[in-house]
C-alpha atoms as a PDB file:
ATOM      1  CA  MET A   1      71.514 125.215  85.637  1.00  0.00           C
ATOM      2  CA  THR A   2      73.809 121.931  85.403  1.00  0.00           C
ATOM      3  CA  GLU A   3      72.612 119.064  86.847  1.00  0.00           C
ATOM      4  CA  LEU A   4      75.273 116.671  88.251  1.00  0.00           C
ATOM      5  CA  SER A   5      74.659 112.984  87.867  1.00  0.00           C
ATOM      6  CA  ARG A   6      76.391 109.841  88.081  1.00  0.00           C
ATOM      7  CA  ARG A   7      76.801 110.304  84.144  1.00  0.00           C
ATOM      8  CA  HIS A   8      78.355 113.421  84.471  1.00  0.00           C
ATOM      9  CA  LEU A   9      80.935 112.306  87.239  1.00  0.00           C
ATOM     10  CA  LEU A  10      81.659 109.528  84.835  1.00  0.00           C
ATOM     11  CA  ALA A  11      82.446 111.898  82.013  1.00  0.00           C
ATOM     12  CA  GLY A  12      85.010 114.125  83.868  1.00  0.00           C
ATOM     13  CA  ALA A  13      86.770 111.713  85.157  1.00  0.00           C
ATOM     14  CA  ALA A  14      87.070 110.629  81.431  1.00  0.00           C
ATOM     15  CA  ALA A  15      87.980 113.659  80.440  1.00  0.00           C
ATOM     16  CA  ALA A  16      90.758 114.047  83.193  1.00  0.00           C
ATOM     17  CA  GLY A  17      92.204 111.386  82.412  1.00  0.00           C
ATOM     18  CA  ALA A  18      92.198 112.144  78.392  1.00  0.00           C
ATOM     19  CA  THR A  19      93.914 115.584  79.588  1.00  0.00           C
ATOM     20  CA  THR A  20      96.637 114.075  81.409  1.00  0.00           C
ATOM     21  CA  ALA A  21      97.706 111.629  78.972  1.00  0.00           C
ATOM     22  CA  LEU A  22      97.458 114.659  76.336  1.00  0.00           C
ATOM     23  CA  SER A  23      99.540 117.204  78.376  1.00  0.00           C
ATOM     24  CA  PRO A  24     103.028 116.366  77.742  1.00  0.00           C
ATOM     25  CA  PHE A  25     102.161 117.360  74.043  1.00  0.00           C
ATOM     26  CA  THR A  26      99.498 120.409  74.747  1.00  0.00           C
ATOM     27  CA  SER A  27     101.686 122.371  77.769  1.00  0.00           C
ATOM     28  CA  PRO A  28     104.921 121.762  78.880  1.00  0.00           C
ATOM     29  CA  SER A  29     105.634 121.098  82.280  1.00  0.00           C
ATOM     30  CA  ALA A  30     108.990 122.762  83.951  1.00  0.00           C
ATOM     31  CA  ASP A  31     108.727 119.904  86.685  1.00  0.00           C
ATOM     32  CA  ALA A  32     109.729 116.641  86.854  1.00  0.00           C
ATOM     33  CA  ALA A  33     107.423 114.007  87.765  1.00  0.00           C
ATOM     34  CA  VAL A  34     107.408 112.846  91.980  1.00  0.00           C
ATOM     35  CA  PRO A  35     107.296 109.106  92.310  1.00  0.00           C
ATOM     36  CA  PRO A  36     104.608 108.371  95.041  1.00  0.00           C
ATOM     37  CA  THR A  37     105.886 107.877  98.624  1.00  0.00           C
ATOM     38  CA  GLY A  38     104.404 103.916  99.750  1.00  0.00           C
ATOM     39  CA  ALA A  39     103.849 104.849 102.858  1.00  0.00           C
ATOM     40  CA  GLN A  40     101.664 105.965 105.221  1.00  0.00           C
ATOM     41  CA  ALA A  41     102.165 108.844 108.340  1.00  0.00           C
ATOM     42  CA  PRO A  42     103.085 107.885 111.977  1.00  0.00           C
ATOM     43  CA  GLY A  43     100.115 106.434 113.868  1.00  0.00           C
ATOM     44  CA  PHE A  44     100.346 108.531 117.214  1.00  0.00           C
ATOM     45  CA  TYR A  45      98.086 111.385 118.883  1.00  0.00           C
ATOM     46  CA  ARG A  46      98.401 112.918 121.622  1.00  0.00           C
ATOM     47  CA  TYR A  47      95.660 114.126 124.016  1.00  0.00           C
ATOM     48  CA  LYS A  48      95.248 115.577 127.443  1.00  0.00           C
ATOM     49  CA  VAL A  49      93.657 114.303 130.571  1.00  0.00           C
ATOM     50  CA  GLY A  50      94.135 116.968 133.209  1.00  0.00           C
ATOM     51  CA  ASP A  51      97.340 117.162 133.616  1.00  0.00           C
ATOM     52  CA  TYR A  52      98.345 113.687 132.329  1.00  0.00           C
ATOM     53  CA  GLU A  53      99.563 113.604 128.674  1.00  0.00           C
ATOM     54  CA  CYS A  54      98.100 110.853 126.987  1.00  0.00           C
ATOM     55  CA  THR A  55      99.031 108.952 123.385  1.00  0.00           C
ATOM     56  CA  SER A  56      96.679 106.977 121.466  1.00  0.00           C
ATOM     57  CA  ILE A  57      99.283 104.779 119.717  1.00  0.00           C
ATOM     58  CA  ASN A  58      97.947 102.424 116.104  1.00  0.00           C
ATOM     59  CA  ASP A  59      98.991  99.246 115.955  1.00  0.00           C
ATOM     60  CA  GLY A  60      97.617  99.182 112.946  1.00  0.00           C
ATOM     61  CA  VAL A  61      94.458  97.884 110.650  1.00  0.00           C
ATOM     62  CA  PHE A  62      93.921  94.506 110.422  1.00  0.00           C
ATOM     63  CA  LEU A  63      92.060  93.100 107.393  1.00  0.00           C
ATOM     64  CA  ARG A  64      90.458  89.567 108.230  1.00  0.00           C
ATOM     65  CA  PRO A  65      87.362  87.824 106.360  1.00  0.00           C
ATOM     66  CA  ILE A  66      83.920  87.942 107.317  1.00  0.00           C
ATOM     67  CA  ASP A  67      83.328  84.593 107.414  1.00  0.00           C
ATOM     68  CA  ASN A  68      82.181  83.891 111.381  1.00  0.00           C
ATOM     69  CA  PHE A  69      83.350  87.622 112.568  1.00  0.00           C
ATOM     70  CA  VAL A  70      79.825  87.857 113.962  1.00  0.00           C
ATOM     71  CA  SER A  71      78.928  84.601 115.927  1.00  0.00           C
ATOM     72  CA  ASN A  72      75.214  85.279 116.268  1.00  0.00           C
ATOM     73  CA  VAL A  73      73.840  86.067 113.128  1.00  0.00           C
ATOM     74  CA  ALA A  74      73.887  85.345 109.666  1.00  0.00           C
ATOM     75  CA  LYS A  75      76.856  86.276 107.139  1.00  0.00           C
ATOM     76  CA  ASP A  76      74.732  88.000 105.144  1.00  0.00           C
ATOM     77  CA  GLU A  77      73.635  90.584 108.076  1.00  0.00           C
ATOM     78  CA  ALA A  78      77.086  91.408 109.082  1.00  0.00           C
ATOM     79  CA  GLN A  79      78.162  91.506 105.425  1.00  0.00           C
ATOM     80  CA  ALA A  80      75.159  94.336 105.081  1.00  0.00           C
ATOM     81  CA  ALA A  81      76.714  95.882 108.014  1.00  0.00           C
ATOM     82  CA  ALA A  82      80.641  96.026 106.698  1.00  0.00           C
ATOM     83  CA  ASP A  83      79.202  97.122 103.474  1.00  0.00           C
ATOM     84  CA  SER A  84      77.508 100.192 105.517  1.00  0.00           C
ATOM     85  CA  ALA A  85      80.620 101.098 106.338  1.00  0.00           C
ATOM     86  CA  TYR A  86      82.451 100.864 102.804  1.00  0.00           C
ATOM     87  CA  MET A  87      84.614  98.226 104.135  1.00  0.00           C
ATOM     88  CA  PRO A  88      87.016  96.051 101.566  1.00  0.00           C
ATOM     89  CA  LYS A  89      84.333  93.000 100.133  1.00  0.00           C
ATOM     90  CA  GLY A  90      84.337  90.202 102.153  1.00  0.00           C
ATOM     91  CA  MET A  91      86.308  91.807 104.929  1.00  0.00           C
ATOM     92  CA  VAL A  92      85.886  93.599 108.305  1.00  0.00           C
ATOM     93  CA  ALA A  93      88.614  95.957 108.997  1.00  0.00           C
ATOM     94  CA  VAL A  94      89.860  95.718 112.859  1.00  0.00           C
ATOM     95  CA  PRO A  95      91.853  98.495 114.185  1.00  0.00           C
ATOM     96  CA  PHE A  96      94.474  98.448 116.985  1.00  0.00           C
ATOM     97  CA  ASN A  97      95.431 101.224 119.219  1.00  0.00           C
ATOM     98  CA  PRO A  98      96.950 100.952 122.369  1.00  0.00           C
ATOM     99  CA  GLN A  99      97.510 103.950 124.806  1.00  0.00           C
ATOM    100  CA  LEU A 100     100.265 105.479 126.703  1.00  0.00           C
ATOM    101  CA  ILE A 101      99.107 107.773 129.882  1.00  0.00           C
ATOM    102  CA  ASN A 102     102.133 109.934 131.262  1.00  0.00           C
ATOM    103  CA  THR A 103     100.775 110.672 134.584  1.00  0.00           C
ATOM    104  CA  GLY A 104     103.960 112.926 135.196  1.00  0.00           C
ATOM    105  CA  SER A 105     105.499 109.929 137.589  1.00  0.00           C
ATOM    106  CA  LYS A 106     104.607 107.182 135.416  1.00  0.00           C
ATOM    107  CA  LEU A 107     104.570 106.496 132.136  1.00  0.00           C
ATOM    108  CA  VAL A 108     101.789 103.387 131.425  1.00  0.00           C
ATOM    109  CA  LEU A 109     101.245 101.494 128.473  1.00  0.00           C
ATOM    110  CA  ILE A 110      97.595 100.037 128.524  1.00  0.00           C
ATOM    111  CA  ASP A 111      98.555  97.158 125.906  1.00  0.00           C
ATOM    112  CA  CYS A 112     100.906  96.717 123.525  1.00  0.00           C
ATOM    113  CA  GLY A 113      99.365  95.322 120.329  1.00  0.00           C
ATOM    114  CA  ASN A 114     100.010  92.395 118.423  1.00  0.00           C
ATOM    115  CA  GLY A 115     104.001  92.516 118.803  1.00  0.00           C
ATOM    116  CA  VAL A 116     106.702  92.996 116.080  1.00  0.00           C
ATOM    117  CA  SER A 117     106.204  89.506 114.831  1.00  0.00           C
ATOM    118  CA  MET A 118     103.169  90.266 113.416  1.00  0.00           C
ATOM    119  CA  LEU A 119     104.685  92.528 110.844  1.00  0.00           C
ATOM    120  CA  GLY A 120     105.674  89.740 108.354  1.00  0.00           C
ATOM    121  CA  PRO A 121     102.459  87.868 108.353  1.00  0.00           C
ATOM    122  CA  SER A 122     100.313  90.978 108.155  1.00  0.00           C
ATOM    123  CA  LYS A 123     102.563  92.629 105.692  1.00  0.00           C
ATOM    124  CA  GLY A 124     102.948  95.617 107.963  1.00  0.00           C
ATOM    125  CA  ARG A 125      99.506  96.213 108.796  1.00  0.00           C
ATOM    126  CA  ALA A 126      99.958  94.824 112.271  1.00  0.00           C
ATOM    127  CA  GLY A 127     102.315  95.027 114.725  1.00  0.00           C
ATOM    128  CA  ARG A 128     103.611  98.575 114.865  1.00  0.00           C
ATOM    129  CA  THR A 129     103.278  99.715 117.918  1.00  0.00           C
ATOM    130  CA  LEU A 130     107.300 100.274 118.891  1.00  0.00           C
ATOM    131  CA  GLN A 131     107.774 102.169 115.870  1.00  0.00           C
ATOM    132  CA  ASN A 132     104.770 104.551 116.407  1.00  0.00           C
ATOM    133  CA  LEU A 133     106.600 104.421 119.736  1.00  0.00           C
ATOM    134  CA  ALA A 134     109.627 105.746 118.124  1.00  0.00           C
ATOM    135  CA  ALA A 135     107.924 108.032 115.850  1.00  0.00           C
ATOM    136  CA  ALA A 136     106.411 109.512 119.094  1.00  0.00           C
ATOM    137  CA  GLY A 137     109.581 110.140 120.863  1.00  0.00           C
ATOM    138  CA  VAL A 138     109.409 107.187 123.284  1.00  0.00           C
ATOM    139  CA  ASP A 139     112.104 104.910 124.267  1.00  0.00           C
ATOM    140  CA  PRO A 140     110.643 101.696 125.312  1.00  0.00           C
ATOM    141  CA  LYS A 141     113.384 101.312 128.372  1.00  0.00           C
ATOM    142  CA  SER A 142     111.082 104.753 129.585  1.00  0.00           C
ATOM    143  CA  ILE A 143     107.733 102.867 130.127  1.00  0.00           C
ATOM    144  CA  ASP A 144     107.389 101.839 133.802  1.00  0.00           C
ATOM    145  CA  ILE A 145     104.101 100.114 133.660  1.00  0.00           C
ATOM    146  CA  VAL A 146     102.575  97.692 130.579  1.00  0.00           C
ATOM    147  CA  LEU A 147      98.952  97.800 131.992  1.00  0.00           C
ATOM    148  CA  MET A 148      97.411  94.915 130.329  1.00  0.00           C
ATOM    149  CA  SER A 149      93.197  94.933 130.128  1.00  0.00           C
ATOM    150  CA  HIS A 150      92.769  91.033 129.084  1.00  0.00           C
ATOM    151  CA  LEU A 151      95.516  88.311 127.592  1.00  0.00           C
ATOM    152  CA  HIS A 152      94.406  87.817 123.913  1.00  0.00           C
ATOM    153  CA  PRO A 153      97.241  88.161 121.064  1.00  0.00           C
ATOM    154  CA  ASP A 154      96.228  91.398 119.806  1.00  0.00           C
ATOM    155  CA  HIS A 155      96.754  93.020 123.372  1.00  0.00           C
ATOM    156  CA  THR A 156      99.689  91.738 125.440  1.00  0.00           C
ATOM    157  CA  ASN A 157     102.079  89.936 122.252  1.00  0.00           C
ATOM    158  CA  GLY A 158     103.862  93.218 122.000  1.00  0.00           C
ATOM    159  CA  ILE A 159     105.720  92.466 125.577  1.00  0.00           C
ATOM    160  CA  ARG A 160     108.027  90.119 123.536  1.00  0.00           C
ATOM    161  CA  ALA A 161     110.802  92.369 121.098  1.00  0.00           C
ATOM    162  CA  ALA A 162     111.600  90.302 117.746  1.00  0.00           C
ATOM    163  CA  ASP A 163     114.456  88.159 119.510  1.00  0.00           C
ATOM    164  CA  GLY A 164     111.769  87.151 122.010  1.00  0.00           C
ATOM    165  CA  SER A 165     113.392  89.133 124.617  1.00  0.00           C
ATOM    166  CA  MET A 166     111.592  92.094 126.716  1.00  0.00           C
ATOM    167  CA  ALA A 167     110.187  95.017 124.225  1.00  0.00           C
ATOM    168  CA  PHE A 168     109.645  97.294 127.489  1.00  0.00           C
ATOM    169  CA  PRO A 169     112.892  96.349 129.543  1.00  0.00           C
ATOM    170  CA  ASN A 170     112.055  98.444 132.392  1.00  0.00           C
ATOM    171  CA  ALA A 171     108.750  98.095 132.734  1.00  0.00           C
ATOM    172  CA  GLU A 172     105.824  95.828 135.503  1.00  0.00           C
ATOM    173  CA  ILE A 173     103.668  94.017 133.737  1.00  0.00           C
ATOM    174  CA  MET A 174     100.301  93.975 134.691  1.00  0.00           C
ATOM    175  CA  VAL A 175      97.469  91.514 134.238  1.00  0.00           C
ATOM    176  CA  PRO A 176      94.185  90.995 135.726  1.00  0.00           C
ATOM    177  CA  ALA A 177      94.320  88.161 138.293  1.00  0.00           C
ATOM    178  CA  LYS A 178      90.792  86.786 136.849  1.00  0.00           C
ATOM    179  CA  ASP A 179      92.278  86.439 133.569  1.00  0.00           C
ATOM    180  CA  TRP A 180      95.524  85.267 134.964  1.00  0.00           C
ATOM    181  CA  GLU A 181      93.964  82.229 136.518  1.00  0.00           C
ATOM    182  CA  PHE A 182      92.025  81.608 133.623  1.00  0.00           C
ATOM    183  CA  TRP A 183      94.242  81.624 130.956  1.00  0.00           C
ATOM    184  CA  MET A 184      96.747  79.672 133.023  1.00  0.00           C
ATOM    185  CA  SER A 185      94.621  77.061 134.022  1.00  0.00           C
ATOM    186  CA  ASP A 186      95.472  73.621 132.731  1.00  0.00           C
ATOM    187  CA  GLU A 187      92.277  72.376 133.216  1.00  0.00           C
ATOM    188  CA  ASN A 188      90.586  75.161 131.514  1.00  0.00           C
ATOM    189  CA  ALA A 189      93.451  74.495 128.333  1.00  0.00           C
ATOM    190  CA  ALA A 190      92.180  70.867 128.277  1.00  0.00           C
ATOM    191  CA  LYS A 191      88.808  71.856 128.218  1.00  0.00           C
ATOM    192  CA  ALA A 192      89.380  74.075 125.255  1.00  0.00           C
ATOM    193  CA  GLN A 193      90.952  71.227 123.351  1.00  0.00           C
ATOM    194  CA  SER A 194      88.026  71.169 120.852  1.00  0.00           C
ATOM    195  CA  ASN A 195      87.949  74.903 119.749  1.00  0.00           C
ATOM    196  CA  GLU A 196      90.836  75.413 117.629  1.00  0.00           C
ATOM    197  CA  MET A 197      91.024  79.356 118.216  1.00  0.00           C
ATOM    198  CA  MET A 198      90.430  78.606 122.095  1.00  0.00           C
ATOM    199  CA  LYS A 199      93.473  76.568 121.704  1.00  0.00           C
ATOM    200  CA  ASN A 200      95.608  78.553 120.866  1.00  0.00           C
ATOM    201  CA  TYR A 201      94.466  81.339 122.710  1.00  0.00           C
ATOM    202  CA  PHE A 202      95.824  79.049 125.876  1.00  0.00           C
ATOM    203  CA  ALA A 203      99.221  77.977 123.463  1.00  0.00           C
ATOM    204  CA  ASN A 204      99.890  81.994 123.361  1.00  0.00           C
ATOM    205  CA  VAL A 205      99.577  83.133 126.683  1.00  0.00           C
ATOM    206  CA  LYS A 206     102.012  80.360 128.034  1.00  0.00           C
ATOM    207  CA  LYS A 207     103.956  81.016 125.290  1.00  0.00           C
ATOM    208  CA  ILE A 208     104.234  84.620 125.682  1.00  0.00           C
ATOM    209  CA  TYR A 209     104.891  84.636 129.448  1.00  0.00           C
ATOM    210  CA  ALA A 210     107.356  81.654 129.991  1.00  0.00           C
ATOM    211  CA  GLY A 211     110.148  82.011 131.525  1.00  0.00           C
ATOM    212  CA  ILE A 212     108.271  85.650 133.439  1.00  0.00           C
ATOM    213  CA  GLU A 213     105.375  84.269 135.403  1.00  0.00           C
ATOM    214  CA  SER A 214     107.065  85.226 138.490  1.00  0.00           C
ATOM    215  CA  LYS A 215     107.726  89.131 137.301  1.00  0.00           C
ATOM    216  CA  VAL A 216     103.627  89.375 136.485  1.00  0.00           C
ATOM    217  CA  THR A 217     102.230  91.573 138.425  1.00  0.00           C
ATOM    218  CA  LYS A 218      98.299  90.284 139.098  1.00  0.00           C
ATOM    219  CA  TYR A 219      95.921  93.378 139.535  1.00  0.00           C
ATOM    220  CA  ASP A 220      91.568  93.417 140.909  1.00  0.00           C
ATOM    221  CA  TRP A 221      89.067  95.560 139.637  1.00  0.00           C
ATOM    222  CA  GLY A 222      87.418  98.535 141.781  1.00  0.00           C
ATOM    223  CA  LYS A 223      91.398  99.572 142.291  1.00  0.00           C
ATOM    224  CA  GLU A 224      93.761 102.022 141.733  1.00  0.00           C
ATOM    225  CA  VAL A 225      96.154 100.367 139.439  1.00  0.00           C
ATOM    226  CA  ALA A 226      98.415 103.450 138.205  1.00  0.00           C
ATOM    227  CA  PRO A 227      98.660 106.576 139.715  1.00  0.00           C
ATOM    228  CA  GLY A 228      94.978 107.804 138.745  1.00  0.00           C
ATOM    229  CA  ILE A 229      94.465 104.819 136.826  1.00  0.00           C
ATOM    230  CA  THR A 230      91.385 102.893 138.140  1.00  0.00           C
ATOM    231  CA  SER A 231      90.218  99.077 136.711  1.00  0.00           C
ATOM    232  CA  ILE A 232      86.696  98.509 136.057  1.00  0.00           C
ATOM    233  CA  ALA A 233      84.948  95.076 135.615  1.00  0.00           C
ATOM    234  CA  THR A 234      83.756  94.381 132.121  1.00  0.00           C
ATOM    235  CA  PRO A 235      83.643  90.817 131.989  1.00  0.00           C
ATOM    236  CA  GLY A 236      82.583  88.639 129.478  1.00  0.00           C
ATOM    237  CA  HIS A 237      84.905  88.990 126.316  1.00  0.00           C
ATOM    238  CA  THR A 238      87.056  87.174 128.776  1.00  0.00           C
ATOM    239  CA  PRO A 239      86.376  86.200 131.967  1.00  0.00           C
ATOM    240  CA  GLY A 240      89.145  88.586 133.348  1.00  0.00           C
ATOM    241  CA  HIS A 241      88.632  91.383 130.597  1.00  0.00           C
ATOM    242  CA  THR A 242      89.170  95.020 132.465  1.00  0.00           C
ATOM    243  CA  SER A 243      88.272  98.771 131.026  1.00  0.00           C
ATOM    244  CA  PHE A 244      90.140 101.527 133.142  1.00  0.00           C
ATOM    245  CA  ALA A 245      88.989 105.052 134.384  1.00  0.00           C
ATOM    246  CA  VAL A 246      91.649 107.617 133.644  1.00  0.00           C
ATOM    247  CA  ALA A 247      91.196 110.915 135.897  1.00  0.00           C
ATOM    248  CA  SER A 248      93.323 113.854 136.296  1.00  0.00           C
ATOM    249  CA  GLY A 249      91.876 116.752 138.574  1.00  0.00           C
ATOM    250  CA  SER A 250      88.320 117.054 137.233  1.00  0.00           C
ATOM    251  CA  SER A 251      89.097 115.206 134.024  1.00  0.00           C
ATOM    252  CA  LYS A 252      87.998 111.770 132.932  1.00  0.00           C
ATOM    253  CA  ILE A 253      88.556 109.101 130.495  1.00  0.00           C
ATOM    254  CA  LEU A 254      86.871 105.756 130.298  1.00  0.00           C
ATOM    255  CA  ILE A 255      89.220 103.039 128.443  1.00  0.00           C
ATOM    256  CA  GLN A 256      86.756 100.487 127.264  1.00  0.00           C
ATOM    257  CA  SER A 257      89.265  98.366 125.913  1.00  0.00           C
ATOM    258  CA  ASP A 258      87.039  95.551 124.164  1.00  0.00           C
ATOM    259  CA  VAL A 259      84.010  96.240 125.610  1.00  0.00           C
ATOM    260  CA  THR A 260      83.125  96.317 121.799  1.00  0.00           C
ATOM    261  CA  ASN A 261      84.912  95.461 119.241  1.00  0.00           C
ATOM    262  CA  ILE A 262      84.714  97.629 115.921  1.00  0.00           C
ATOM    263  CA  PRO A 263      81.912 100.422 116.432  1.00  0.00           C
ATOM    264  CA  GLU A 264      80.348  99.700 112.911  1.00  0.00           C
ATOM    265  CA  PHE A 265      78.959  96.300 113.998  1.00  0.00           C
ATOM    266  CA  PHE A 266      78.847  96.219 117.748  1.00  0.00           C
ATOM    267  CA  LEU A 267      77.670  99.501 119.058  1.00  0.00           C
ATOM    268  CA  ARG A 268      75.592 100.124 115.994  1.00  0.00           C
ATOM    269  CA  ASN A 269      74.326  96.384 117.042  1.00  0.00           C
ATOM    270  CA  PRO A 270      75.065  95.790 120.829  1.00  0.00           C
ATOM    271  CA  ASP A 271      73.343  92.415 120.954  1.00  0.00           C
ATOM    272  CA  TRP A 272      75.905  91.037 117.903  1.00  0.00           C
ATOM    273  CA  HIS A 273      78.561  89.006 119.730  1.00  0.00           C
ATOM    274  CA  VAL A 274      82.348  88.927 118.421  1.00  0.00           C
ATOM    275  CA  VAL A 275      83.512  85.550 117.206  1.00  0.00           C
ATOM    276  CA  TYR A 276      86.473  86.549 120.065  1.00  0.00           C
ATOM    277  CA  ASP A 277      83.900  86.189 123.049  1.00  0.00           C
ATOM    278  CA  VAL A 278      84.916  83.405 125.635  1.00  0.00           C
ATOM    279  CA  ASP A 279      81.393  84.438 127.274  1.00  0.00           C
ATOM    280  CA  PRO A 280      79.243  86.211 124.585  1.00  0.00           C
ATOM    281  CA  GLU A 281      76.415  86.790 126.832  1.00  0.00           C
ATOM    282  CA  THR A 282      78.039  88.069 129.770  1.00  0.00           C
ATOM    283  CA  ALA A 283      80.308  90.510 127.379  1.00  0.00           C
ATOM    284  CA  GLN A 284      76.250  91.789 125.504  1.00  0.00           C
ATOM    285  CA  THR A 285      75.227  92.536 129.308  1.00  0.00           C
ATOM    286  CA  THR A 286      78.139  94.239 129.958  1.00  0.00           C
ATOM    287  CA  ARG A 287      78.116  95.768 126.865  1.00  0.00           C
ATOM    288  CA  HIS A 288      75.173  98.150 127.577  1.00  0.00           C
ATOM    289  CA  LYS A 289      75.475  98.846 131.190  1.00  0.00           C
ATOM    290  CA  PHE A 290      79.226 100.117 130.166  1.00  0.00           C
ATOM    291  CA  TYR A 291      77.738 102.226 127.216  1.00  0.00           C
ATOM    292  CA  ASP A 292      74.700 103.403 129.449  1.00  0.00           C
ATOM    293  CA  MET A 293      76.889 104.693 132.166  1.00  0.00           C
ATOM    294  CA  ALA A 294      79.227 106.298 129.452  1.00  0.00           C
ATOM    295  CA  ALA A 295      76.237 107.822 127.307  1.00  0.00           C
ATOM    296  CA  ALA A 296      74.629 109.413 130.880  1.00  0.00           C
ATOM    297  CA  GLU A 297      77.826 110.719 132.137  1.00  0.00           C
ATOM    298  CA  LYS A 298      78.809 111.780 128.665  1.00  0.00           C
ATOM    299  CA  ALA A 299      81.754 110.584 129.295  1.00  0.00           C
ATOM    300  CA  THR A 300      85.004 110.459 126.738  1.00  0.00           C
ATOM    301  CA  VAL A 301      85.791 106.761 125.427  1.00  0.00           C
ATOM    302  CA  VAL A 302      88.618 105.532 123.913  1.00  0.00           C
ATOM    303  CA  GLY A 303      88.284 101.623 122.003  1.00  0.00           C
ATOM    304  CA  PHE A 304      90.827  99.750 121.460  1.00  0.00           C
ATOM    305  CA  HIS A 305      89.298  98.615 118.223  1.00  0.00           C
ATOM    306  CA  PHE A 306      87.716 102.130 117.349  1.00  0.00           C
ATOM    307  CA  PRO A 307      88.759 103.769 114.170  1.00  0.00           C
ATOM    308  CA  PHE A 308      92.286 105.527 115.393  1.00  0.00           C
ATOM    309  CA  PRO A 309      92.687 108.131 117.136  1.00  0.00           C
ATOM    310  CA  SER A 310      90.009 105.732 118.627  1.00  0.00           C
ATOM    311  CA  ILE A 311      88.405 108.320 120.868  1.00  0.00           C
ATOM    312  CA  GLY A 312      85.315 109.729 120.396  1.00  0.00           C
ATOM    313  CA  HIS A 313      82.093 109.510 122.765  1.00  0.00           C
ATOM    314  CA  VAL A 314      79.268 107.518 122.685  1.00  0.00           C
ATOM    315  CA  GLU A 315      74.820 108.496 122.902  1.00  0.00           C
ATOM    316  CA  LYS A 316      72.472 106.474 123.153  1.00  0.00           C
ATOM    317  CA  ASP A 317      70.298 105.546 119.729  1.00  0.00           C
ATOM    318  CA  GLY A 318      67.281 103.909 120.783  1.00  0.00           C
ATOM    319  CA  ALA A 319      68.081 100.332 121.581  1.00  0.00           C
ATOM    320  CA  LYS A 320      71.371 101.235 119.982  1.00  0.00           C
ATOM    321  CA  TYR A 321      74.389 102.867 120.223  1.00  0.00           C
ATOM    322  CA  ARG A 322      76.858 105.447 117.997  1.00  0.00           C
ATOM    323  CA  LEU A 323      80.194 106.523 118.184  1.00  0.00           C
ATOM    324  CA  VAL A 324      80.794 110.145 118.142  1.00  0.00           C
ATOM    325  CA  PRO A 325      84.416 110.552 117.004  1.00  0.00           C
ATOM    326  CA  VAL A 326      86.653 113.206 118.611  1.00  0.00           C
ATOM    327  CA  GLY A 327      87.481 116.069 116.279  1.00  0.00           C
ATOM    328  CA  TRP A 328      91.226 116.231 115.480  1.00  0.00           C
ATOM    329  CA  ASP A 329      93.128 119.200 117.247  1.00  0.00           C
ATOM    330  CA  PRO A 330      96.665 120.503 116.752  1.00  0.00           C
ATOM    331  CA  VAL A 331      97.330 121.535 119.489  1.00  0.00           C
ATOM    332  CA  ILE A 332      97.525 119.492 122.674  1.00  0.00           C
END
């Protein structure tokens, strides 16, 4: 009986390399070498909610230094969580996943990603929503509503095309009333001048919505904001941060937006605070309430920062939670 060990694995890898190196001399090949493709497959995944056809659209996965990503624990503790998730050393991998909901009467895009202006600076890692919509056969002109969960750049900047024009020219742009009030306030912006990140966020909202302010529809919580889509109050990440219940027939999903950022950190450690939270304590309270509800209902949950295709179930695990991703289904 042969026992498997790390020594055997390394020896096997070395032997395989030697065989490859010798193969031109030991066994002639009829096939020419095939160069690597160097490109990933399009990022979209379709699923059903009752009669609604939904599509998870990947905007990319951004790598950022771990630094202060978790604001209320030591960097070493956050690094240990990253290591447990096999992330690149010293980095955090953050996915972005807008959701397209076809209700039959309306085509609704929930959040729209970082925008194509991020493709260059991120070296193609972020800003992929438009190209993945195209790969999914969706013309941006056909989208009726772009529904924002909140006004952070990775959710809202995608409304602009590369030349600054509207990426979804026929869409109604809907934003949470409370978030609009907060980010458009000159008084709030003045208070944020000492915080570089918040200062930039305020400036970004003004820039992205410049010239279209009067065309933006503000919505409230607890309302049907589009057919079968109801807004849910989940404040803390931002003052107007919103999640959504999407229901058709007897089927329902919860789109949690940024109730938690990446689950490897903030489901496993629900009292950790992501650096982007405007009100971390409220966000923490919201997180527990939302996931206690989702776990009790055994609800399907969609997370903007969950690993693509970003769909799963959240279970209680003592005082923590864990994500159980859905299995890939080749049939819609």
